[in-house]
Amino acid sequence: MTSTNIAKHDPTQWLQKDVKDVPAPARELLETYSGVPADEVLPHALALRDEAFAVYPWPCIGQMRFLRFTLSTYPAYPRILSRLKAVADAAYLLDLGCCFGQDLRKLVVDGVSPAHVAGLDVGAEFYSLGRRLFRDDVALGDRPALSFDFYARDIMDDGADWEPLESRFDILNSTSFLHIWDWEGQIKAACRIVSFLRLRPGALIVGSGLGSRVGGEFPNLEGDGTNFRQSPETFVGFWAEVGQKTGTSWDVHSDLQLINASAMNAGQKWAEPNMGVLFFEVTLK
């Protein structure tokens, strides 16, 4: 079987077998917020990982990336917290492709009201998987059970009910989201998520995704098409086109940090020497 066929037909390539522990911030939250005993953290996380991977065999699940609190590592995070916790006119945040809702839990632990956050992903299973992973479907001591708005939607589905999300949010977390599609797919997704914002100056889209210092179409991870890897230069043009289509204007700031394919991903057709992670803040003028 060729490597292309493996990439296309064998998603178990994404299932990390040698997991020794979970990231320290995730372990701390699972022990303190969730009440998982220290010696149960890893088997607990792996069991939920395997259950989710059986339904959604994605790299972010198989490689345990759902236990990274990525949003809190962005330079904008203190500003985001301040806006979400404001006494007057507090902001609302939507986590796009929220998966298990790990970034939303971090926001709540950091003092944000669950009423001011929401999540979106393709499957309703992620809401229940997140509650089981973080064991916050029931109260624990002084910590109440957690409930937040979750929308099971495919961003490409023109027939879905988008009305509950329209003009509702001030901040969008777009971590590992837009990079899924080719250029036209990203344009469609971006135009749709813009409709979720309250279009006031300062509305913010923050995130990161797979990029390249030579922006362009590259083989996607599944081996059945391409995705567009943005460079800082192409990303400016991208948001100019989105602005034209939506009647909006954006300040675009991004930074590409080059990466090497991990040993697990070495030799894959999608890996190339110019790839990196594009970190960005896109702010409505």
Protein backbone atom coordinates (compact mmCIF):
# COMPACT_ATOMS: atom_id res chain seq x y z
CA MET A 1 0.00 0.00 0.00
CA THR A 2 1.42 3.40 -0.95
CA SER A 3 1.87 6.22 1.53
CA THR A 4 -0.90 8.12 -0.27
CA ASN A 5 -3.29 5.25 0.27
CA ILE A 6 -2.31 4.99 3.91
CA ALA A 7 -2.97 8.71 4.39
CA LYS A 8 -6.34 8.35 2.73
CA HIS A 9 -7.57 5.05 4.11
CA ASP A 10 -5.81 4.39 7.41
CA PRO A 11 -6.68 7.08 9.96
CA THR A 12 -5.07 5.02 12.73
CA GLN A 13 -1.82 6.71 11.68
CA TRP A 14 -3.07 9.61 13.83
CA LEU A 15 -3.60 7.47 16.94
CA GLN A 16 -0.68 8.13 19.25
CA LYS A 17 0.30 4.91 20.98
CA ASP A 18 3.11 6.08 23.28
CA VAL A 19 1.27 8.60 25.45
CA LYS A 20 3.17 8.87 28.75
CA ASP A 21 1.19 11.68 30.38
CA VAL A 22 -1.07 14.61 29.61
CA PRO A 23 0.18 18.23 29.48
CA ALA A 24 0.81 19.68 32.94
CA PRO A 25 -1.90 22.39 32.72
CA ALA A 26 -4.46 19.77 31.68
CA ARG A 27 -3.39 17.45 34.48
CA GLU A 28 -3.74 20.26 37.02
CA LEU A 29 -7.23 21.12 35.79
CA LEU A 30 -8.36 17.49 35.67
CA GLU A 31 -7.14 16.93 39.23
CA THR A 32 -8.39 20.19 40.78
CA TYR A 33 -11.40 21.27 38.72
CA SER A 34 -12.59 17.80 37.69
CA GLY A 35 -11.58 15.87 40.78
CA VAL A 36 -9.87 13.05 38.87
CA PRO A 37 -7.38 11.22 41.11
CA ALA A 38 -3.80 11.71 39.94
CA ASP A 39 -3.25 8.06 39.03
CA GLU A 40 -6.45 8.00 36.98
CA VAL A 41 -5.82 11.10 34.86
CA LEU A 42 -3.99 9.38 32.00
CA PRO A 43 -6.22 6.28 31.67
CA HIS A 44 -9.30 8.50 31.99
CA ALA A 45 -8.11 10.81 29.19
CA LEU A 46 -7.06 7.91 26.96
CA ALA A 47 -10.40 6.15 27.36
CA LEU A 48 -12.29 9.26 26.24
CA ARG A 49 -9.75 9.84 23.46
CA ASP A 50 -10.27 6.33 22.11
CA GLU A 51 -14.05 6.64 22.27
CA ALA A 52 -13.99 9.95 20.37
CA PHE A 53 -11.43 8.70 17.84
CA ALA A 54 -13.67 5.77 16.94
CA VAL A 55 -16.24 8.31 15.70
CA TYR A 56 -13.98 11.18 14.60
CA PRO A 57 -10.54 9.80 13.61
CA TRP A 58 -8.89 13.20 13.47
CA PRO A 59 -5.26 14.10 14.27
CA CYS A 60 -6.31 16.55 17.00
CA ILE A 61 -8.02 13.69 18.83
CA GLY A 62 -5.60 10.87 18.12
CA GLN A 63 -2.60 13.00 19.10
CA MET A 64 -4.28 14.27 22.31
CA ARG A 65 -4.32 17.91 21.21
CA PHE A 66 -7.75 18.32 22.81
CA LEU A 67 -5.87 18.60 26.11
CA ARG A 68 -3.98 21.74 25.08
CA PHE A 69 -5.38 25.02 26.37
CA THR A 70 -4.30 26.91 23.28
CA LEU A 71 -6.42 30.05 23.64
CA SER A 72 -4.79 30.95 26.96
CA THR A 73 -1.34 30.95 25.32
CA TYR A 74 -2.20 33.75 22.88
CA PRO A 75 -0.97 37.29 23.63
CA ALA A 76 -4.60 38.47 23.35
CA TYR A 77 -5.77 36.24 26.21
CA PRO A 78 -5.56 38.83 29.01
CA ARG A 79 -7.54 41.27 26.85
CA ILE A 80 -10.07 38.56 26.03
CA LEU A 81 -10.53 37.76 29.72
CA SER A 82 -10.99 41.43 30.54
CA ARG A 83 -13.67 41.83 27.88
CA LEU A 84 -15.53 38.68 28.86
CA LYS A 85 -15.49 39.57 32.56
CA ALA A 86 -16.40 43.26 32.14
CA VAL A 87 -19.12 44.47 34.50
CA ALA A 88 -20.77 46.59 31.82
CA ASP A 89 -21.40 45.23 28.30
CA ALA A 90 -19.38 42.05 28.80
CA ALA A 91 -18.34 40.34 25.58
CA TYR A 92 -19.46 36.94 24.30
CA LEU A 93 -17.08 34.34 22.84
CA LEU A 94 -17.68 31.47 20.44
CA ASP A 95 -15.14 28.65 20.22
CA LEU A 96 -15.12 27.38 16.63
CA GLY A 97 -14.37 23.67 16.34
CA CYS A 98 -14.33 23.50 20.12
CA CYS A 99 -13.87 19.71 20.29
CA PHE A 100 -14.05 18.71 23.98
CA GLY A 101 -14.44 22.34 25.04
CA GLN A 102 -11.07 22.49 26.75
CA ASP A 103 -10.49 26.18 26.05
CA LEU A 104 -13.98 26.98 27.33
CA ARG A 105 -13.23 25.18 30.60
CA LYS A 106 -10.05 27.21 30.99
CA LEU A 107 -12.04 30.41 30.51
CA VAL A 108 -14.54 29.35 33.16
CA VAL A 109 -11.76 28.40 35.59
CA ASP A 110 -10.28 31.84 34.96
CA GLY A 111 -13.50 33.50 36.06
CA VAL A 112 -15.61 33.89 32.94
CA SER A 113 -19.34 33.26 33.28
CA PRO A 114 -20.48 30.21 31.28
CA ALA A 115 -23.31 32.40 30.00
CA HIS A 116 -20.73 34.37 28.01
CA VAL A 117 -19.14 31.46 26.15
CA ALA A 118 -20.39 28.98 23.58
CA GLY A 119 -18.97 26.18 21.47
CA LEU A 120 -19.50 24.93 17.94
CA ASP A 121 -18.46 21.63 16.40
CA VAL A 122 -19.81 19.18 13.87
CA GLY A 123 -21.09 16.56 16.31
CA ALA A 124 -23.33 16.79 19.36
CA GLU A 125 -21.17 14.04 20.90
CA PHE A 126 -18.45 16.58 21.72
CA TYR A 127 -20.61 18.30 24.30
CA SER A 128 -21.22 15.09 26.24
CA LEU A 129 -17.65 13.87 25.74
CA GLY A 130 -16.36 17.13 27.20
CA ARG A 131 -18.62 16.85 30.23
CA ARG A 132 -17.43 13.31 30.83
CA LEU A 133 -13.77 14.19 30.31
CA PHE A 134 -13.91 17.12 32.72
CA ARG A 135 -16.56 15.56 34.98
CA ASP A 136 -18.49 18.80 35.23
CA ASP A 137 -21.93 17.45 34.36
CA VAL A 138 -22.50 17.37 38.13
CA ALA A 139 -21.39 19.68 40.92
CA LEU A 140 -18.14 19.03 42.75
CA GLY A 141 -17.85 20.73 46.13
CA ASP A 142 -18.28 24.47 45.61
CA ARG A 143 -17.96 24.09 41.84
CA PRO A 144 -21.37 23.94 40.17
CA ALA A 145 -22.17 21.72 37.22
CA LEU A 146 -21.19 23.40 33.97
CA SER A 147 -23.61 24.21 31.19
CA PHE A 148 -22.97 26.38 28.15
CA ASP A 149 -24.50 26.82 24.74
CA PHE A 150 -23.23 24.26 22.25
CA TYR A 151 -24.12 24.19 18.57
CA ALA A 152 -23.73 20.97 16.56
CA ARG A 153 -23.29 22.41 13.08
CA ASP A 154 -21.13 21.87 9.99
CA ILE A 155 -19.90 25.32 9.00
CA MET A 156 -20.28 24.33 5.33
CA ASP A 157 -23.94 23.35 5.70
CA ASP A 158 -26.05 26.01 3.98
CA GLY A 159 -29.21 24.30 5.19
CA ALA A 160 -28.33 24.42 8.91
CA ASP A 161 -30.10 26.78 11.29
CA TRP A 162 -27.57 29.57 11.77
CA GLU A 163 -29.99 32.16 13.15
CA PRO A 164 -29.19 31.45 16.84
CA LEU A 165 -25.54 32.37 16.24
CA GLU A 166 -25.95 35.40 14.01
CA SER A 167 -24.82 38.81 15.35
CA ARG A 168 -24.38 37.34 18.83
CA PHE A 169 -20.63 37.25 19.58
CA ASP A 170 -17.78 39.71 20.01
CA ILE A 171 -14.84 37.27 20.00
CA LEU A 172 -14.27 34.12 17.97
CA ASN A 173 -11.62 31.52 18.81
CA SER A 174 -10.53 30.03 15.48
CA THR A 175 -7.83 27.60 16.59
CA SER A 176 -7.07 24.79 14.09
CA PHE A 177 -10.21 25.66 12.17
CA LEU A 178 -9.86 27.62 8.94
CA HIS A 179 -6.84 25.61 7.79
CA ILE A 180 -9.06 22.58 7.14
CA TRP A 181 -10.21 23.83 3.73
CA ASP A 182 -8.87 25.01 0.41
CA TRP A 183 -9.00 28.75 -0.41
CA GLU A 184 -12.63 28.78 -1.48
CA GLY A 185 -13.67 26.70 1.50
CA GLN A 186 -11.86 29.06 3.85
CA ILE A 187 -13.55 32.05 2.23
CA LYS A 188 -16.96 30.45 2.71
CA ALA A 189 -16.20 29.54 6.33
CA ALA A 190 -14.85 33.01 7.11
CA CYS A 191 -17.86 34.75 5.61
CA ARG A 192 -20.14 32.58 7.71
CA ILE A 193 -18.29 33.16 10.97
CA VAL A 194 -18.26 36.92 10.32
CA SER A 195 -22.05 36.70 10.41
CA PHE A 196 -21.79 35.43 13.99
CA LEU A 197 -20.18 38.67 15.17
CA ARG A 198 -21.77 41.79 16.49
CA LEU A 199 -20.25 44.04 13.85
CA ARG A 200 -18.80 46.70 16.11
CA PRO A 201 -15.25 48.06 15.98
CA GLY A 202 -13.00 45.78 18.02
CA ALA A 203 -14.81 42.55 17.20
CA LEU A 204 -12.00 39.98 17.31
CA ILE A 205 -11.12 36.73 15.59
CA VAL A 206 -8.09 35.12 17.22
CA GLY A 207 -6.50 31.79 16.47
CA SER A 208 -3.84 29.72 14.78
CA GLY A 209 -3.57 27.08 12.11
CA LEU A 210 -1.28 25.24 9.76
CA GLY A 211 0.38 27.71 7.40
CA SER A 212 3.39 28.07 5.15
CA ARG A 213 5.87 30.82 4.37
CA VAL A 214 4.98 30.16 0.73
CA GLY A 215 1.21 30.37 0.97
CA GLY A 216 -0.68 28.08 -1.36
CA GLU A 217 -2.59 24.86 -1.84
CA PHE A 218 -0.94 21.74 -0.38
CA PRO A 219 -2.04 18.11 0.01
CA ASN A 220 -4.42 17.82 2.93
CA LEU A 221 -3.87 15.46 5.83
CA GLU A 222 -6.52 13.01 4.62
CA GLY A 223 -4.83 12.59 1.25
CA ASP A 224 -8.03 13.27 -0.71
CA GLY A 225 -7.63 16.92 -1.68
CA THR A 226 -5.86 20.14 -0.71
CA ASN A 227 -5.98 22.76 1.95
CA PHE A 228 -4.70 26.31 1.62
CA ARG A 229 -1.82 27.14 3.94
CA GLN A 230 -1.80 30.82 4.62
CA SER A 231 1.34 32.92 4.81
CA PRO A 232 1.24 36.32 6.53
CA GLU A 233 1.03 37.88 3.07
CA THR A 234 -1.78 35.71 1.70
CA PHE A 235 -3.70 36.11 4.95
CA VAL A 236 -3.94 39.86 4.44
CA GLY A 237 -5.37 39.30 0.96
CA PHE A 238 -7.68 36.63 2.32
CA TRP A 239 -9.31 39.02 4.77
CA ALA A 240 -9.52 41.71 2.11
CA GLU A 241 -11.61 39.31 0.02
CA VAL A 242 -13.73 38.34 3.03
CA GLY A 243 -14.22 42.03 3.71
CA GLN A 244 -15.41 42.65 0.17
CA LYS A 245 -17.90 39.80 0.39
CA THR A 246 -19.25 40.81 3.82
CA GLY A 247 -19.02 44.60 3.68
CA THR A 248 -16.44 44.69 6.48
CA SER A 249 -12.88 45.92 6.95
CA TRP A 250 -10.22 44.24 9.09
CA ASP A 251 -6.88 44.87 10.75
CA VAL A 252 -4.86 41.70 10.21
CA HIS A 253 -1.86 40.77 12.33
CA SER A 254 -0.20 37.39 11.98
CA ASP A 255 3.05 35.60 12.71
CA LEU A 256 4.28 32.37 11.15
CA GLN A 257 6.40 30.10 13.32
CA LEU A 258 8.08 27.34 11.33
CA ILE A 259 7.77 23.78 12.59
CA ASN A 260 9.19 20.41 11.74
CA ALA A 261 6.99 17.39 11.23
CA SER A 262 7.09 15.22 14.30
CA ALA A 263 8.50 11.72 14.00
CA MET A 264 4.91 10.48 13.97
CA ASN A 265 4.14 12.57 10.89
CA ALA A 266 7.47 12.30 9.08
CA GLY A 267 7.24 11.25 5.45
CA GLN A 268 3.61 12.28 5.03
CA LYS A 269 2.79 13.90 1.71
CA TRP A 270 1.34 16.96 3.45
CA ALA A 271 4.56 17.72 5.34
CA GLU A 272 6.85 20.26 3.66
CA PRO A 273 9.84 22.36 4.83
CA ASN A 274 8.06 25.72 4.66
CA MET A 275 5.13 24.77 6.85
CA GLY A 276 4.51 26.38 10.18
CA VAL A 277 1.82 27.56 12.54
CA LEU A 278 0.22 30.87 11.65
CA PHE A 279 -0.89 32.78 14.74
CA PHE A 280 -3.28 35.62 14.10
CA GLU A 281 -5.52 38.39 15.41
CA VAL A 282 -8.07 39.84 13.01
CA THR A 283 -9.91 42.89 14.34
CA LEU A 284 -12.89 44.69 12.87
CA LYS A 285 -12.10 48.32 12.09
